[in-house]
Amino acid sequence: MSETEVPFRPREKLLEKQKHFQSIHKHTYLKGPMDKITSVAIPIALAASSLYLIGRGIYNMSHGIGKKE
């Protein structure tokens, strides 16, 4: 059984994509079209929400809000 495996993409498309990505002079984690969302927006949103929650917790502790009796 000497079947050759069918590639996922044609070789021409692959070479075209390689040339495209090699011509971009950005950081490697920002080269794709959706990479700004996953590499920049999500970490900023997580950091902002965690800073907000930490600040709210410190405020509540310093004013005695939300204590259990």
Protein backbone atom coordinates (compact mmCIF):
# COMPACT_ATOMS: atom_id res chain seq x y z
CA MET A 1 0.00 0.00 0.00
CA SER A 2 1.93 3.00 -1.24
CA GLU A 3 -0.74 5.70 -1.02
CA THR A 4 0.52 9.23 -0.72
CA GLU A 5 -1.18 11.42 1.82
CA VAL A 6 -3.11 14.35 0.41
CA PRO A 7 -1.76 17.67 1.76
CA PHE A 8 -4.10 20.01 3.62
CA ARG A 9 -3.26 22.90 1.31
CA PRO A 10 -1.79 23.06 -2.15
CA ARG A 11 1.94 23.81 -2.21
CA GLU A 12 1.41 27.05 -4.15
CA LYS A 13 -0.90 28.45 -1.46
CA LEU A 14 1.59 27.47 1.24
CA LEU A 15 4.48 29.19 -0.51
CA GLU A 16 2.32 32.28 -1.05
CA LYS A 17 1.46 32.43 2.66
CA GLN A 18 5.10 31.92 3.64
CA LYS A 19 6.18 34.81 1.43
CA HIS A 20 3.44 36.98 2.89
CA PHE A 21 4.40 36.28 6.51
CA GLN A 22 8.13 36.60 5.85
CA SER A 23 7.63 40.01 4.25
CA ILE A 24 5.88 41.45 7.33
CA HIS A 25 8.34 43.10 9.73
CA LYS A 26 6.31 42.78 12.91
CA HIS A 27 6.76 40.61 15.96
CA THR A 28 5.94 36.99 15.24
CA TYR A 29 3.01 36.95 17.66
CA LEU A 30 1.27 39.84 15.82
CA LYS A 31 1.49 38.64 12.22
CA GLY A 32 -1.94 37.07 11.77
CA PRO A 33 -5.15 39.01 11.26
CA MET A 34 -6.69 38.03 14.62
CA ASP A 35 -3.46 38.12 16.65
CA LYS A 36 -3.99 41.61 18.02
CA ILE A 37 -7.11 40.37 19.78
CA THR A 38 -5.49 37.34 21.38
CA SER A 39 -2.06 38.84 22.12
CA VAL A 40 -3.02 42.38 23.12
CA ALA A 41 -6.71 42.91 23.86
CA ILE A 42 -7.38 39.84 26.02
CA PRO A 43 -4.35 40.34 28.33
CA ILE A 44 -5.18 44.05 28.71
CA ALA A 45 -8.80 43.18 29.55
CA LEU A 46 -7.70 40.57 32.11
CA ALA A 47 -5.23 42.98 33.72
CA ALA A 48 -7.80 45.79 33.88
CA SER A 49 -10.51 43.60 35.40
CA SER A 50 -8.12 42.11 37.96
CA LEU A 51 -6.85 45.58 38.97
CA TYR A 52 -10.46 46.74 39.35
CA LEU A 53 -11.34 43.75 41.54
CA ILE A 54 -8.21 44.19 43.68
CA GLY A 55 -8.97 47.88 44.12
CA ARG A 56 -12.57 47.17 45.05
CA GLY A 57 -11.46 44.55 47.56
CA ILE A 58 -9.00 46.92 49.22
CA TYR A 59 -11.66 49.65 49.36
CA ASN A 60 -14.21 47.26 50.87
CA MET A 61 -11.71 45.98 53.45
CA SER A 62 -10.63 49.47 54.49
CA HIS A 63 -14.25 50.61 54.94
CA GLY A 64 -15.54 47.37 56.49
CA ILE A 65 -18.04 46.72 53.70
CA GLY A 66 -19.36 43.19 53.15
CA LYS A 67 -18.19 41.67 56.42
CA LYS A 68 -19.89 38.49 57.60
CA GLU A 69 -21.30 38.75 61.11
